[in-house]
PDB file of all heavy atoms in Angstrom:
ATOM      1  N   LEU A   1    -121.056 -69.371 113.811  1.00  0.00           N
ATOM      2  CA  LEU A   1    -120.307 -69.081 115.002  1.00  0.00           C
ATOM      3  C   LEU A   1    -119.168 -68.088 114.651  1.00  0.00           C
ATOM      4  O   LEU A   1    -118.489 -68.278 113.677  1.00  0.00           O
ATOM      5  CB  LEU A   1    -119.741 -70.297 115.695  1.00  0.00           C
ATOM      6  CG  LEU A   1    -120.712 -71.266 116.260  1.00  0.00           C
ATOM      7  CD1 LEU A   1    -120.086 -72.674 116.407  1.00  0.00           C
ATOM      8  CD2 LEU A   1    -121.244 -70.756 117.449  1.00  0.00           C
ATOM      9  N   ASP A   2    -118.991 -67.087 115.501  1.00  0.00           N
ATOM     10  CA  ASP A   2    -117.926 -66.152 115.277  1.00  0.00           C
ATOM     11  C   ASP A   2    -117.061 -65.901 116.553  1.00  0.00           C
ATOM     12  O   ASP A   2    -117.321 -66.470 117.479  1.00  0.00           O
ATOM     13  CB  ASP A   2    -118.517 -64.783 114.729  1.00  0.00           C
ATOM     14  CG  ASP A   2    -119.584 -64.193 115.712  1.00  0.00           C
ATOM     15  OD1 ASP A   2    -119.344 -64.287 116.937  1.00  0.00           O
ATOM     16  OD2 ASP A   2    -120.534 -63.635 115.196  1.00  0.00           O
ATOM     17  N   THR A   3    -116.030 -65.105 116.297  1.00  0.00           N
ATOM     18  CA  THR A   3    -115.100 -64.894 117.377  1.00  0.00           C
ATOM     19  C   THR A   3    -115.460 -63.748 118.384  1.00  0.00           C
ATOM     20  O   THR A   3    -114.770 -63.436 119.325  1.00  0.00           O
ATOM     21  CB  THR A   3    -113.657 -64.524 116.801  1.00  0.00           C
ATOM     22  OG1 THR A   3    -113.793 -63.419 115.862  1.00  0.00           O
ATOM     23  CG2 THR A   3    -113.159 -65.806 116.113  1.00  0.00           C
ATOM     24  N   ASP A   4    -116.655 -63.044 118.078  1.00  0.00           N
ATOM     25  CA  ASP A   4    -117.078 -62.030 119.055  1.00  0.00           C
ATOM     26  C   ASP A   4    -117.551 -62.639 120.348  1.00  0.00           C
ATOM     27  O   ASP A   4    -118.151 -63.665 120.411  1.00  0.00           O
ATOM     28  CB  ASP A   4    -118.314 -61.279 118.358  1.00  0.00           C
ATOM     29  CG  ASP A   4    -117.909 -60.414 117.207  1.00  0.00           C
ATOM     30  OD1 ASP A   4    -116.850 -59.734 117.277  1.00  0.00           O
ATOM     31  OD2 ASP A   4    -118.599 -60.385 116.291  1.00  0.00           O
ATOM     32  N   VAL A   5    -117.226 -61.958 121.455  1.00  0.00           N
ATOM     33  CA  VAL A   5    -117.729 -62.415 122.809  1.00  0.00           C
ATOM     34  C   VAL A   5    -118.945 -61.539 123.089  1.00  0.00           C
ATOM     35  O   VAL A   5    -118.830 -60.251 123.171  1.00  0.00           O
ATOM     36  CB  VAL A   5    -116.666 -62.108 123.814  1.00  0.00           C
ATOM     37  CG1 VAL A   5    -117.137 -62.575 125.177  1.00  0.00           C
ATOM     38  CG2 VAL A   5    -115.397 -63.004 123.435  1.00  0.00           C
ATOM     39  N   TYR A   6    -120.029 -62.250 123.402  1.00  0.00           N
ATOM     40  CA  TYR A   6    -121.279 -61.527 123.700  1.00  0.00           C
ATOM     41  C   TYR A   6    -121.375 -61.587 125.157  1.00  0.00           C
ATOM     42  O   TYR A   6    -120.883 -62.325 125.949  1.00  0.00           O
ATOM     43  CB  TYR A   6    -122.489 -62.251 122.983  1.00  0.00           C
ATOM     44  CG  TYR A   6    -122.252 -62.215 121.448  1.00  0.00           C
ATOM     45  CD1 TYR A   6    -121.579 -63.258 120.889  1.00  0.00           C
ATOM     46  CD2 TYR A   6    -122.914 -61.274 120.719  1.00  0.00           C
ATOM     47  CE1 TYR A   6    -121.422 -63.227 119.493  1.00  0.00           C
ATOM     48  CE2 TYR A   6    -122.747 -61.195 119.334  1.00  0.00           C
ATOM     49  CZ  TYR A   6    -122.025 -62.185 118.742  1.00  0.00           C
ATOM     50  OH  TYR A   6    -121.844 -62.154 117.346  1.00  0.00           O
ATOM     51  N   PRO A   7    -122.297 -60.527 125.696  1.00  0.00           N
ATOM     52  CA  PRO A   7    -122.403 -60.466 127.133  1.00  0.00           C
ATOM     53  C   PRO A   7    -122.924 -61.802 127.700  1.00  0.00           C
ATOM     54  O   PRO A   7    -123.941 -62.393 127.326  1.00  0.00           O
ATOM     55  CB  PRO A   7    -123.539 -59.401 127.282  1.00  0.00           C
ATOM     56  CG  PRO A   7    -123.464 -58.622 126.029  1.00  0.00           C
ATOM     57  CD  PRO A   7    -123.004 -59.600 124.967  1.00  0.00           C
ATOM     58  N   ILE A   8    -122.125 -62.280 128.756  1.00  0.00           N
ATOM     59  CA  ILE A   8    -122.449 -63.538 129.416  1.00  0.00           C
ATOM     60  C   ILE A   8    -122.314 -63.348 130.805  1.00  0.00           C
ATOM     61  O   ILE A   8    -121.272 -62.844 131.311  1.00  0.00           O
ATOM     62  CB  ILE A   8    -121.575 -64.729 128.971  1.00  0.00           C
ATOM     63  CG1 ILE A   8    -121.710 -64.916 127.461  1.00  0.00           C
ATOM     64  CG2 ILE A   8    -121.858 -65.992 129.655  1.00  0.00           C
ATOM     65  CD1 ILE A   8    -120.898 -65.980 126.868  1.00  0.00           C
ATOM     66  N   SER A   9    -123.187 -63.742 131.711  1.00  0.00           N
ATOM     67  CA  SER A   9    -123.108 -63.615 133.174  1.00  0.00           C
ATOM     68  C   SER A   9    -122.155 -64.502 133.766  1.00  0.00           C
ATOM     69  O   SER A   9    -121.677 -65.381 133.123  1.00  0.00           O
ATOM     70  CB  SER A   9    -124.467 -63.823 133.811  1.00  0.00           C
ATOM     71  OG  SER A   9    -124.785 -65.136 133.670  1.00  0.00           O
ATOM     72  N   GLU A  10    -121.603 -64.187 134.971  1.00  0.00           N
ATOM     73  CA  GLU A  10    -120.539 -65.016 135.597  1.00  0.00           C
ATOM     74  C   GLU A  10    -121.040 -66.569 135.638  1.00  0.00           C
ATOM     75  O   GLU A  10    -120.194 -67.382 135.618  1.00  0.00           O
ATOM     76  CB  GLU A  10    -120.309 -64.467 136.895  1.00  0.00           C
ATOM     77  CG  GLU A  10    -119.555 -63.143 137.009  1.00  0.00           C
ATOM     78  CD  GLU A  10    -118.177 -63.152 136.278  1.00  0.00           C
ATOM     79  OE1 GLU A  10    -117.665 -64.346 136.384  1.00  0.00           O
ATOM     80  OE2 GLU A  10    -117.673 -62.233 135.828  1.00  0.00           O
ATOM     81  N   GLU A  11    -122.359 -66.693 135.906  1.00  0.00           N
ATOM     82  CA  GLU A  11    -122.764 -67.989 136.031  1.00  0.00           C
ATOM     83  C   GLU A  11    -122.577 -68.845 134.813  1.00  0.00           C
ATOM     84  O   GLU A  11    -122.624 -70.141 134.794  1.00  0.00           O
ATOM     85  CB  GLU A  11    -124.315 -68.049 136.486  1.00  0.00           C
ATOM     86  CG  GLU A  11    -124.574 -67.485 137.856  1.00  0.00           C
ATOM     87  CD  GLU A  11    -124.450 -65.997 137.865  1.00  0.00           C
ATOM     88  OE1 GLU A  11    -124.712 -65.406 136.724  1.00  0.00           O
ATOM     89  OE2 GLU A  11    -124.383 -65.365 138.927  1.00  0.00           O
ATOM     90  N   GLU A  12    -122.522 -68.230 133.627  1.00  0.00           N
ATOM     91  CA  GLU A  12    -122.464 -68.843 132.335  1.00  0.00           C
ATOM     92  C   GLU A  12    -121.123 -68.891 131.769  1.00  0.00           C
ATOM     93  O   GLU A  12    -120.793 -69.491 130.749  1.00  0.00           O
ATOM     94  CB  GLU A  12    -123.453 -68.338 131.347  1.00  0.00           C
ATOM     95  CG  GLU A  12    -124.855 -68.423 131.758  1.00  0.00           C
ATOM     96  CD  GLU A  12    -125.470 -69.845 131.417  1.00  0.00           C
ATOM     97  OE1 GLU A  12    -124.794 -70.488 130.664  1.00  0.00           O
ATOM     98  OE2 GLU A  12    -126.516 -70.165 132.088  1.00  0.00           O
ATOM     99  N   ARG A  13    -120.150 -68.199 132.509  1.00  0.00           N
ATOM    100  CA  ARG A  13    -118.817 -68.224 131.955  1.00  0.00           C
ATOM    101  C   ARG A  13    -118.214 -69.664 131.911  1.00  0.00           C
ATOM    102  O   ARG A  13    -118.511 -70.466 132.639  1.00  0.00           O
ATOM    103  CB  ARG A  13    -117.944 -67.204 132.630  1.00  0.00           C
ATOM    104  CG  ARG A  13    -118.358 -65.721 132.549  1.00  0.00           C
ATOM    105  CD  ARG A  13    -117.462 -64.835 133.004  1.00  0.00           C
ATOM    106  NE  ARG A  13    -117.941 -63.431 133.076  1.00  0.00           N
ATOM    107  CZ  ARG A  13    -117.929 -62.701 131.869  1.00  0.00           C
ATOM    108  NH1 ARG A  13    -117.331 -63.172 130.735  1.00  0.00           N
ATOM    109  NH2 ARG A  13    -118.397 -61.519 131.925  1.00  0.00           N
ATOM    110  N   PRO A  14    -117.277 -69.789 130.909  1.00  0.00           N
ATOM    111  CA  PRO A  14    -116.696 -71.069 130.737  1.00  0.00           C
ATOM    112  C   PRO A  14    -115.870 -71.583 131.911  1.00  0.00           C
ATOM    113  O   PRO A  14    -115.437 -70.738 132.776  1.00  0.00           O
ATOM    114  CB  PRO A  14    -115.747 -70.976 129.545  1.00  0.00           C
ATOM    115  CG  PRO A  14    -115.433 -69.563 129.389  1.00  0.00           C
ATOM    116  CD  PRO A  14    -116.687 -68.791 129.952  1.00  0.00           C
ATOM    117  N   GLY A  15    -115.576 -72.802 131.997  1.00  0.00           N
ATOM    118  CA  GLY A  15    -114.854 -73.393 133.096  1.00  0.00           C
ATOM    119  C   GLY A  15    -115.261 -74.773 133.439  1.00  0.00           C
ATOM    120  O   GLY A  15    -114.707 -75.528 134.287  1.00  0.00           O
ATOM    121  N   THR A  16    -116.356 -75.194 132.714  1.00  0.00           N
ATOM    122  CA  THR A  16    -116.816 -76.563 132.964  1.00  0.00           C
ATOM    123  C   THR A  16    -116.763 -77.241 131.561  1.00  0.00           C
ATOM    124  O   THR A  16    -116.916 -76.523 130.477  1.00  0.00           O
ATOM    125  CB  THR A  16    -118.276 -76.572 133.498  1.00  0.00           C
ATOM    126  OG1 THR A  16    -119.136 -76.038 132.464  1.00  0.00           O
ATOM    127  CG2 THR A  16    -118.413 -75.878 134.706  1.00  0.00           C
ATOM    128  N   ALA A  17    -116.698 -78.560 131.493  1.00  0.00           N
ATOM    129  CA  ALA A  17    -116.649 -79.209 130.293  1.00  0.00           C
ATOM    130  C   ALA A  17    -117.986 -79.123 129.539  1.00  0.00           C
ATOM    131  O   ALA A  17    -118.098 -79.082 128.334  1.00  0.00           O
ATOM    132  CB  ALA A  17    -116.291 -80.685 130.451  1.00  0.00           C
ATOM    133  N   GLU A  18    -119.125 -78.952 130.363  1.00  0.00           N
ATOM    134  CA  GLU A  18    -120.421 -78.919 129.730  1.00  0.00           C
ATOM    135  C   GLU A  18    -120.568 -77.703 128.954  1.00  0.00           C
ATOM    136  O   GLU A  18    -120.935 -77.703 127.749  1.00  0.00           O
ATOM    137  CB  GLU A  18    -121.474 -78.914 130.805  1.00  0.00           C
ATOM    138  CG  GLU A  18    -121.696 -80.315 131.521  1.00  0.00           C
ATOM    139  CD  GLU A  18    -120.536 -80.567 132.521  1.00  0.00           C
ATOM    140  OE1 GLU A  18    -119.759 -79.658 132.834  1.00  0.00           O
ATOM    141  OE2 GLU A  18    -120.398 -81.770 132.873  1.00  0.00           O
ATOM    142  N   TYR A  19    -120.046 -76.460 129.414  1.00  0.00           N
ATOM    143  CA  TYR A  19    -120.204 -75.239 128.700  1.00  0.00           C
ATOM    144  C   TYR A  19    -119.355 -75.310 127.450  1.00  0.00           C
ATOM    145  O   TYR A  19    -119.742 -74.773 126.443  1.00  0.00           O
ATOM    146  CB  TYR A  19    -119.904 -73.981 129.530  1.00  0.00           C
ATOM    147  CG  TYR A  19    -120.075 -72.798 128.740  1.00  0.00           C
ATOM    148  CD1 TYR A  19    -121.344 -72.212 128.829  1.00  0.00           C
ATOM    149  CD2 TYR A  19    -119.064 -72.195 128.014  1.00  0.00           C
ATOM    150  CE1 TYR A  19    -121.667 -71.033 128.052  1.00  0.00           C
ATOM    151  CE2 TYR A  19    -119.278 -71.056 127.330  1.00  0.00           C
ATOM    152  CZ  TYR A  19    -120.500 -70.552 127.300  1.00  0.00           C
ATOM    153  OH  TYR A  19    -120.839 -69.350 126.629  1.00  0.00           O
ATOM    154  N   ALA A  20    -118.108 -75.830 127.626  1.00  0.00           N
ATOM    155  CA  ALA A  20    -117.190 -75.767 126.456  1.00  0.00           C
ATOM    156  C   ALA A  20    -117.501 -76.791 125.417  1.00  0.00           C
ATOM    157  O   ALA A  20    -116.878 -76.933 124.338  1.00  0.00           O
ATOM    158  CB  ALA A  20    -115.784 -76.083 126.933  1.00  0.00           C
ATOM    159  N   GLY A  21    -118.601 -77.525 125.574  1.00  0.00           N
ATOM    160  CA  GLY A  21    -118.941 -78.556 124.602  1.00  0.00           C
ATOM    161  C   GLY A  21    -118.567 -79.949 124.921  1.00  0.00           C
ATOM    162  O   GLY A  21    -118.652 -80.786 124.062  1.00  0.00           O
ATOM    163  N   GLY A  22    -118.070 -80.131 126.186  1.00  0.00           N
ATOM    164  CA  GLY A  22    -117.582 -81.470 126.450  1.00  0.00           C
ATOM    165  C   GLY A  22    -116.235 -81.749 125.808  1.00  0.00           C
ATOM    166  O   GLY A  22    -115.637 -80.958 125.217  1.00  0.00           O
ATOM    167  N   LYS A  23    -115.741 -82.975 126.091  1.00  0.00           N
ATOM    168  CA  LYS A  23    -114.526 -83.360 125.467  1.00  0.00           C
ATOM    169  C   LYS A  23    -114.660 -83.716 124.022  1.00  0.00           C
ATOM    170  O   LYS A  23    -115.674 -84.399 123.594  1.00  0.00           O
ATOM    171  CB  LYS A  23    -114.037 -84.630 126.268  1.00  0.00           C
ATOM    172  CG  LYS A  23    -113.543 -84.354 127.698  1.00  0.00           C
ATOM    173  CD  LYS A  23    -113.125 -85.657 128.425  1.00  0.00           C
ATOM    174  CE  LYS A  23    -111.906 -86.132 127.672  1.00  0.00           C
ATOM    175  NZ  LYS A  23    -111.359 -87.403 128.368  1.00  0.00           N
ATOM    176  N   GLU A  24    -113.688 -83.286 123.241  1.00  0.00           N
ATOM    177  CA  GLU A  24    -113.719 -83.722 121.784  1.00  0.00           C
ATOM    178  C   GLU A  24    -113.422 -85.182 121.760  1.00  0.00           C
ATOM    179  O   GLU A  24    -112.758 -85.801 122.670  1.00  0.00           O
ATOM    180  CB  GLU A  24    -112.540 -82.949 121.097  1.00  0.00           C
ATOM    181  CG  GLU A  24    -112.780 -81.482 121.042  1.00  0.00           C
ATOM    182  CD  GLU A  24    -113.720 -81.097 119.944  1.00  0.00           C
ATOM    183  OE1 GLU A  24    -114.395 -82.013 119.299  1.00  0.00           O
ATOM    184  OE2 GLU A  24    -113.957 -79.904 119.726  1.00  0.00           O
ATOM    185  N   PRO A  25    -113.932 -85.892 120.657  1.00  0.00           N
ATOM    186  CA  PRO A  25    -113.752 -87.360 120.680  1.00  0.00           C
ATOM    187  C   PRO A  25    -112.267 -87.745 120.690  1.00  0.00           C
ATOM    188  O   PRO A  25    -111.952 -88.847 121.116  1.00  0.00           O
ATOM    189  CB  PRO A  25    -114.469 -87.711 119.359  1.00  0.00           C
ATOM    190  CG  PRO A  25    -114.584 -86.466 118.600  1.00  0.00           C
ATOM    191  CD  PRO A  25    -114.667 -85.373 119.722  1.00  0.00           C
ATOM    192  N   GLU A  26    -111.380 -86.880 120.166  1.00  0.00           N
ATOM    193  CA  GLU A  26    -110.029 -87.229 120.135  1.00  0.00           C
ATOM    194  C   GLU A  26    -109.223 -86.785 121.449  1.00  0.00           C
ATOM    195  O   GLU A  26    -108.029 -87.134 121.528  1.00  0.00           O
ATOM    196  CB  GLU A  26    -109.330 -86.665 118.949  1.00  0.00           C
ATOM    197  CG  GLU A  26    -109.104 -85.074 118.925  1.00  0.00           C
ATOM    198  CD  GLU A  26    -110.448 -84.296 118.645  1.00  0.00           C
ATOM    199  OE1 GLU A  26    -111.544 -84.997 118.501  1.00  0.00           O
ATOM    200  OE2 GLU A  26    -110.275 -83.041 118.575  1.00  0.00           O
ATOM    201  N   GLU A  27    -109.764 -86.104 122.236  1.00  0.00           N
ATOM    202  CA  GLU A  27    -109.126 -85.595 123.431  1.00  0.00           C
ATOM    203  C   GLU A  27    -109.179 -86.664 124.545  1.00  0.00           C
ATOM    204  O   GLU A  27    -109.933 -86.448 125.584  1.00  0.00           O
ATOM    205  CB  GLU A  27    -109.655 -84.243 123.865  1.00  0.00           C
ATOM    206  CG  GLU A  27    -109.291 -83.077 123.018  1.00  0.00           C
ATOM    207  CD  GLU A  27    -109.910 -81.811 123.408  1.00  0.00           C
ATOM    208  OE1 GLU A  27    -110.227 -81.540 124.654  1.00  0.00           O
ATOM    209  OE2 GLU A  27    -110.074 -80.882 122.533  1.00  0.00           O
ATOM    210  N   ASP A  28    -108.541 -87.794 124.415  1.00  0.00           N
ATOM    211  CA  ASP A  28    -108.685 -88.854 125.278  1.00  0.00           C
ATOM    212  C   ASP A  28    -107.413 -89.182 125.926  1.00  0.00           C
ATOM    213  O   ASP A  28    -107.207 -90.313 126.482  1.00  0.00           O
ATOM    214  CB  ASP A  28    -109.248 -90.113 124.671  1.00  0.00           C
ATOM    215  CG  ASP A  28    -108.371 -90.558 123.433  1.00  0.00           C
ATOM    216  OD1 ASP A  28    -107.377 -89.811 123.152  1.00  0.00           O
ATOM    217  OD2 ASP A  28    -108.726 -91.486 122.689  1.00  0.00           O
ATOM    218  N   ASN A  29    -106.443 -88.254 125.914  1.00  0.00           N
ATOM    219  CA  ASN A  29    -105.124 -88.504 126.556  1.00  0.00           C
ATOM    220  C   ASN A  29    -104.436 -89.892 126.025  1.00  0.00           C
ATOM    221  O   ASN A  29    -103.834 -90.643 126.766  1.00  0.00           O
ATOM    222  CB  ASN A  29    -105.288 -88.579 128.069  1.00  0.00           C
ATOM    223  CG  ASN A  29    -105.710 -87.265 128.599  1.00  0.00           C
ATOM    224  OD1 ASN A  29    -105.210 -86.238 128.179  1.00  0.00           O
ATOM    225  ND2 ASN A  29    -106.561 -87.291 129.579  1.00  0.00           N
ATOM    226  N   SER A  30    -104.583 -90.074 124.731  1.00  0.00           N
ATOM    227  CA  SER A  30    -104.146 -91.401 124.096  1.00  0.00           C
ATOM    228  C   SER A  30    -102.647 -91.498 124.298  1.00  0.00           C
ATOM    229  O   SER A  30    -101.921 -90.586 124.236  1.00  0.00           O
ATOM    230  CB  SER A  30    -104.593 -91.339 122.676  1.00  0.00           C
ATOM    231  OG  SER A  30    -103.949 -92.440 122.032  1.00  0.00           O
ATOM    232  N   THR A  31    -102.267 -92.680 124.528  1.00  0.00           N
ATOM    233  CA  THR A  31    -100.876 -93.125 124.687  1.00  0.00           C
ATOM    234  C   THR A  31    -100.217 -93.762 123.392  1.00  0.00           C
ATOM    235  O   THR A  31     -99.242 -94.349 123.540  1.00  0.00           O
ATOM    236  CB  THR A  31    -100.545 -93.856 125.892  1.00  0.00           C
ATOM    237  OG1 THR A  31    -101.339 -95.124 125.828  1.00  0.00           O
ATOM    238  CG2 THR A  31    -100.969 -93.129 127.157  1.00  0.00           C
ATOM    239  N   GLU A  32    -101.063 -93.686 122.368  1.00  0.00           N
ATOM    240  CA  GLU A  32    -100.650 -94.410 121.135  1.00  0.00           C
ATOM    241  C   GLU A  32     -99.319 -93.808 120.679  1.00  0.00           C
ATOM    242  O   GLU A  32     -99.129 -92.617 120.654  1.00  0.00           O
ATOM    243  CB  GLU A  32    -101.775 -94.371 120.078  1.00  0.00           C
ATOM    244  CG  GLU A  32    -103.036 -94.916 120.473  1.00  0.00           C
ATOM    245  CD  GLU A  32    -102.933 -96.457 120.706  1.00  0.00           C
ATOM    246  OE1 GLU A  32    -102.087 -96.985 120.079  1.00  0.00           O
ATOM    247  OE2 GLU A  32    -103.692 -96.941 121.415  1.00  0.00           O
ATOM    248  N   ASP A  33     -98.479 -94.630 120.241  1.00  0.00           N
ATOM    249  CA  ASP A  33     -97.189 -94.197 119.638  1.00  0.00           C
ATOM    250  C   ASP A  33     -97.036 -94.343 118.124  1.00  0.00           C
ATOM    251  O   ASP A  33     -95.964 -94.334 117.544  1.00  0.00           O
ATOM    252  CB  ASP A  33     -95.967 -94.902 120.357  1.00  0.00           C
ATOM    253  CG  ASP A  33     -96.067 -96.340 120.229  1.00  0.00           C
ATOM    254  OD1 ASP A  33     -96.935 -96.793 119.509  1.00  0.00           O
ATOM    255  OD2 ASP A  33     -95.149 -97.022 120.730  1.00  0.00           O
ATOM    256  N   ALA A  34     -98.158 -94.578 117.450  1.00  0.00           N
ATOM    257  CA  ALA A  34     -98.211 -94.650 115.952  1.00  0.00           C
ATOM    258  C   ALA A  34     -99.542 -94.303 115.518  1.00  0.00           C
ATOM    259  O   ALA A  34    -100.570 -94.412 116.102  1.00  0.00           O
ATOM    260  CB  ALA A  34     -97.763 -96.125 115.620  1.00  0.00           C
ATOM    261  N   ILE A  35     -99.532 -93.885 114.232  1.00  0.00           N
ATOM    262  CA  ILE A  35    -100.804 -93.487 113.629  1.00  0.00           C
ATOM    263  C   ILE A  35    -101.172 -94.728 112.637  1.00  0.00           C
ATOM    264  O   ILE A  35    -100.382 -95.135 111.777  1.00  0.00           O
ATOM    265  CB  ILE A  35    -100.624 -92.250 112.639  1.00  0.00           C
ATOM    266  CG1 ILE A  35    -100.509 -91.075 113.599  1.00  0.00           C
ATOM    267  CG2 ILE A  35    -101.906 -92.085 111.881  1.00  0.00           C
ATOM    268  CD1 ILE A  35    -100.168 -89.744 112.918  1.00  0.00           C
ATOM    269  N   ILE A  36    -102.322 -95.317 112.974  1.00  0.00           N
ATOM    270  CA  ILE A  36    -102.742 -96.400 112.098  1.00  0.00           C
ATOM    271  C   ILE A  36    -103.930 -95.995 111.293  1.00  0.00           C
ATOM    272  O   ILE A  36    -105.070 -95.761 111.805  1.00  0.00           O
ATOM    273  CB  ILE A  36    -103.199 -97.545 113.113  1.00  0.00           C
ATOM    274  CG1 ILE A  36    -101.966 -97.974 114.021  1.00  0.00           C
ATOM    275  CG2 ILE A  36    -103.640 -98.782 112.234  1.00  0.00           C
ATOM    276  CD1 ILE A  36    -102.299 -99.008 115.000  1.00  0.00           C
ATOM    277  N   LEU A  37    -103.760 -95.888 110.063  1.00  0.00           N
ATOM    278  CA  LEU A  37    -104.734 -95.255 109.161  1.00  0.00           C
ATOM    279  C   LEU A  37    -105.663 -96.345 108.578  1.00  0.00           C
ATOM    280  O   LEU A  37    -105.368 -97.456 108.436  1.00  0.00           O
ATOM    281  CB  LEU A  37    -104.020 -94.599 107.942  1.00  0.00           C
ATOM    282  CG  LEU A  37    -103.152 -93.401 108.400  1.00  0.00           C
ATOM    283  CD1 LEU A  37    -102.378 -92.832 107.246  1.00  0.00           C
ATOM    284  CD2 LEU A  37    -103.959 -92.296 109.052  1.00  0.00           C
TER     285      LEU A  37
END
């Protein structure tokens, strides 16, 4: 994967979680106030 932007039609442009790969496992709006290792 590289940082080049290839031709993509408007229908495929990002803006949905599905296109962006969905939510990362850690992007859960956690309210934890400590790191438990």
